[in-house]
C-alpha atoms as a PDB file:
ATOM      1  CA  MET A   1      -2.556  12.908  12.237  1.00  0.00           C
ATOM      2  CA  ASP A   2      -4.746  10.033  13.711  1.00  0.00           C
ATOM      3  CA  VAL A   3      -3.851   6.790  15.399  1.00  0.00           C
ATOM      4  CA  SER A   4      -5.932   3.620  15.202  1.00  0.00           C
ATOM      5  CA  PRO A   5      -6.677   2.095  17.573  1.00  0.00           C
ATOM      6  CA  THR A   6      -6.087   5.500  19.594  1.00  0.00           C
ATOM      7  CA  ASP A   7      -4.096   3.748  22.450  1.00  0.00           C
ATOM      8  CA  ALA A   8      -1.679   1.961  20.074  1.00  0.00           C
ATOM      9  CA  GLY A   9       1.009   4.469  19.572  1.00  0.00           C
ATOM     10  CA  GLU A  10       1.751   8.059  18.420  1.00  0.00           C
ATOM     11  CA  VAL A  11       2.990   9.983  15.277  1.00  0.00           C
ATOM     12  CA  GLU A  12       6.135  12.259  15.068  1.00  0.00           C
ATOM     13  CA  GLY A  13       6.437  14.810  12.124  1.00  0.00           C
ATOM     14  CA  ALA A  14       2.869  16.027  11.977  1.00  0.00           C
ATOM     15  CA  GLY A  15       2.411  19.668  11.459  1.00  0.00           C
ATOM     16  CA  ARG A  16       2.382  22.551   8.829  1.00  0.00           C
ATOM     17  CA  TYR A  17       4.617  22.330   5.813  1.00  0.00           C
ATOM     18  CA  GLU A  18       5.118  24.596   2.887  1.00  0.00           C
ATOM     19  CA  PHE A  19       3.830  23.572  -0.409  1.00  0.00           C
ATOM     20  CA  GLU A  20       6.041  20.800  -2.032  1.00  0.00           C
ATOM     21  CA  GLU A  21       8.013  20.505   1.191  1.00  0.00           C
ATOM     22  CA  THR A  22       8.958  16.904   2.158  1.00  0.00           C
ATOM     23  CA  ALA A  23       7.195  15.661   5.386  1.00  0.00           C
ATOM     24  CA  VAL A  24       8.911  12.839   7.256  1.00  0.00           C
ATOM     25  CA  LEU A  25       6.392  10.974   9.505  1.00  0.00           C
ATOM     26  CA  PHE A  26       7.080   8.348  12.097  1.00  0.00           C
ATOM     27  CA  ALA A  27       4.704   5.923  13.587  1.00  0.00           C
ATOM     28  CA  ILE A  28       5.714   4.857  17.053  1.00  0.00           C
ATOM     29  CA  ALA A  29       4.013   1.862  18.526  1.00  0.00           C
ATOM     30  CA  ASN A  30       3.066   1.653  22.220  1.00  0.00           C
ATOM     31  CA  ASP A  31       4.012  -1.617  24.105  1.00  0.00           C
ATOM     32  CA  GLY A  32       2.058  -4.502  22.729  1.00  0.00           C
ATOM     33  CA  PHE A  33       1.433  -2.952  19.366  1.00  0.00           C
ATOM     34  CA  VAL A  34       3.195  -2.874  16.065  1.00  0.00           C
ATOM     35  CA  PHE A  35       2.922  -0.522  13.020  1.00  0.00           C
ATOM     36  CA  LYS A  36       0.821  -1.894  10.112  1.00  0.00           C
ATOM     37  CA  ASN A  37       0.227   0.874   7.542  1.00  0.00           C
ATOM     38  CA  TRP A  38      -0.829   4.514   6.796  1.00  0.00           C
ATOM     39  CA  SER A  39      -4.249   5.164   5.495  1.00  0.00           C
ATOM     40  CA  SER A  40      -6.244   8.203   4.380  1.00  0.00           C
ATOM     41  CA  ASP A  41     -10.141   8.116   4.314  1.00  0.00           C
ATOM     42  CA  GLY A  42      -9.851   4.292   4.834  1.00  0.00           C
ATOM     43  CA  VAL A  43      -7.529   3.643   1.936  1.00  0.00           C
ATOM     44  CA  VAL A  44      -4.050   2.305   2.412  1.00  0.00           C
ATOM     45  CA  VAL A  45      -1.506   4.520   1.060  1.00  0.00           C
ATOM     46  CA  SER A  46       1.765   3.124   2.296  1.00  0.00           C
ATOM     47  CA  ASP A  47       3.285   0.516   4.684  1.00  0.00           C
ATOM     48  CA  GLU A  48       6.582   2.470   4.939  1.00  0.00           C
ATOM     49  CA  ASN A  49       7.751   3.796   8.401  1.00  0.00           C
ATOM     50  CA  PRO A  50       9.017   6.432   8.343  1.00  0.00           C
ATOM     51  CA  LEU A  51       6.767   7.827   5.493  1.00  0.00           C
ATOM     52  CA  GLU A  52       8.179  10.510   3.296  1.00  0.00           C
ATOM     53  CA  ILE A  53       5.628  12.554   1.550  1.00  0.00           C
ATOM     54  CA  VAL A  54       5.755  15.601  -0.643  1.00  0.00           C
ATOM     55  CA  VAL A  55       3.065  17.997   0.682  1.00  0.00           C
ATOM     56  CA  VAL A  56       0.779  19.473  -2.060  1.00  0.00           C
ATOM     57  CA  CYS A  57      -2.387  19.798  -0.095  1.00  0.00           C
ATOM     58  CA  ASP A  58      -4.097  19.316   3.350  1.00  0.00           C
ATOM     59  CA  THR A  59      -3.741  15.712   4.184  1.00  0.00           C
ATOM     60  CA  LEU A  60      -5.065  13.565   7.116  1.00  0.00           C
ATOM     61  CA  LEU A  61      -3.315  10.401   7.576  1.00  0.00           C
ATOM     62  CA  THR A  62      -3.976   7.741   9.959  1.00  0.00           C
ATOM     63  CA  ALA A  63      -1.116   5.536  11.339  1.00  0.00           C
ATOM     64  CA  ASN A  64      -2.743   2.140  11.866  1.00  0.00           C
ATOM     65  CA  PHE A  65      -1.255  -0.452  14.435  1.00  0.00           C
ATOM     66  CA  VAL A  66      -2.220  -3.976  15.362  1.00  0.00           C
ATOM     67  CA  GLU A  67      -1.620  -6.061  18.424  1.00  0.00           C
ATOM     68  CA  GLU A  68       1.912  -7.602  18.785  1.00  0.00           C
ATOM     69  CA  ASP A  69       0.584 -11.097  18.456  1.00  0.00           C
ATOM     70  CA  GLU A  70      -1.965 -10.238  15.659  1.00  0.00           C
ATOM     71  CA  PRO A  71      -0.629 -11.489  12.113  1.00  0.00           C
ATOM     72  CA  ILE A  72      -0.284  -8.636   9.552  1.00  0.00           C
ATOM     73  CA  ASP A  73      -1.685  -9.597   6.217  1.00  0.00           C
ATOM     74  CA  ILE A  74       0.889  -8.674   3.432  1.00  0.00           C
ATOM     75  CA  GLU A  75      -0.569  -8.059   0.066  1.00  0.00           C
ATOM     76  CA  TYR A  76       1.132  -7.989  -3.380  1.00  0.00           C
ATOM     77  CA  ILE A  77      -0.083  -6.680  -6.650  1.00  0.00           C
ATOM     78  CA  ILE A  78       0.333  -8.481  -9.858  1.00  0.00           C
ATOM     79  CA  THR A  79       0.180  -6.249 -12.795  1.00  0.00           C
ATOM     80  CA  LEU A  80       0.000  -7.861 -16.339  1.00  0.00           C
ATOM     81  CA  HIS A  81       0.928  -6.217 -19.674  1.00  0.00           C
ATOM     82  CA  SER A  82       0.652  -7.330 -23.304  1.00  0.00           C
ATOM     83  CA  LEU A  83       3.132  -6.160 -25.866  1.00  0.00           C
ATOM     84  CA  PRO A  84       1.651  -4.959 -28.140  1.00  0.00           C
ATOM     85  CA  GLU A  85      -1.227  -3.862 -25.956  1.00  0.00           C
ATOM     86  CA  ASP A  86      -3.815  -5.230 -28.233  1.00  0.00           C
ATOM     87  CA  ALA A  87      -2.113  -8.564 -28.687  1.00  0.00           C
ATOM     88  CA  GLY A  88      -4.133 -10.600 -26.309  1.00  0.00           C
ATOM     89  CA  ILE A  89      -6.504 -11.043 -23.366  1.00  0.00           C
ATOM     90  CA  LEU A  90      -4.719 -11.287 -19.692  1.00  0.00           C
ATOM     91  CA  VAL A  91      -6.510 -12.700 -16.734  1.00  0.00           C
ATOM     92  CA  GLY A  92      -5.227 -13.020 -13.163  1.00  0.00           C
ATOM     93  CA  GLY A  93      -3.911  -9.504 -12.225  1.00  0.00           C
ATOM     94  CA  GLY A  94      -4.741  -8.021  -9.048  1.00  0.00           C
ATOM     95  CA  THR A  95      -3.933  -7.897  -5.382  1.00  0.00           C
ATOM     96  CA  TYR A  96      -3.305 -11.015  -3.532  1.00  0.00           C
ATOM     97  CA  LEU A  97      -2.426 -11.851   0.101  1.00  0.00           C
ATOM     98  CA  GLU A  98       1.153 -13.191   0.689  1.00  0.00           C
ATOM     99  CA  ASN A  99       1.521 -17.025   0.037  1.00  0.00           C
ATOM    100  CA  THR A 100      -1.605 -17.082  -2.086  1.00  0.00           C
ATOM    101  CA  ASN A 101      -1.428 -19.216  -5.340  1.00  0.00           C
ATOM    102  CA  VAL A 102      -2.382 -17.459  -8.361  1.00  0.00           C
ATOM    103  CA  THR A 103      -3.133 -18.484 -11.865  1.00  0.00           C
ATOM    104  CA  ILE A 104      -2.500 -16.089 -14.698  1.00  0.00           C
ATOM    105  CA  SER A 105      -3.351 -16.641 -18.317  1.00  0.00           C
ATOM    106  CA  ALA A 106      -2.720 -14.863 -21.628  1.00  0.00           C
ATOM    107  CA  THR A 107      -4.825 -15.704 -24.731  1.00  0.00           C
ATOM    108  CA  ALA A 108      -3.490 -14.262 -28.145  1.00  0.00           C
ATOM    109  CA  ASN A 109      -5.913 -12.426 -30.076  1.00  0.00           C
ATOM    110  CA  GLU A 110      -6.461 -13.307 -33.739  1.00  0.00           C
ATOM    111  CA  GLY A 111      -3.218 -12.650 -35.702  1.00  0.00           C
ATOM    112  CA  PHE A 112      -1.066 -12.851 -32.640  1.00  0.00           C
ATOM    113  CA  VAL A 113       0.833 -15.733 -30.949  1.00  0.00           C
ATOM    114  CA  PHE A 114       1.718 -15.960 -27.216  1.00  0.00           C
ATOM    115  CA  VAL A 115       5.702 -16.012 -26.990  1.00  0.00           C
ATOM    116  CA  ASN A 116       6.231 -15.731 -23.162  1.00  0.00           C
END
């Protein structure tokens, strides 16, 4: 387990686990820091703390922290689905920061009508 920045905190629960065993990881912030998220190879995998994962391979996670007074950006994912799948074109799905105004649109394909 890694910690970023290195002086921001520590991780409990790291170690060797059997295949498909559940690991419970705790990110503990040092004074002046708060936990932000877990990442692997620079990709955010979770913002849960503690984090429960089923071990299926060697995994290196980083507990990321920010300074206490630094704002934490919260992101939400908007997923759009059309029923039936080929009924139209959907625009506006994606990942957005909290409090962002988002416009979504649905344009019906020929032979379909937008309902709701």
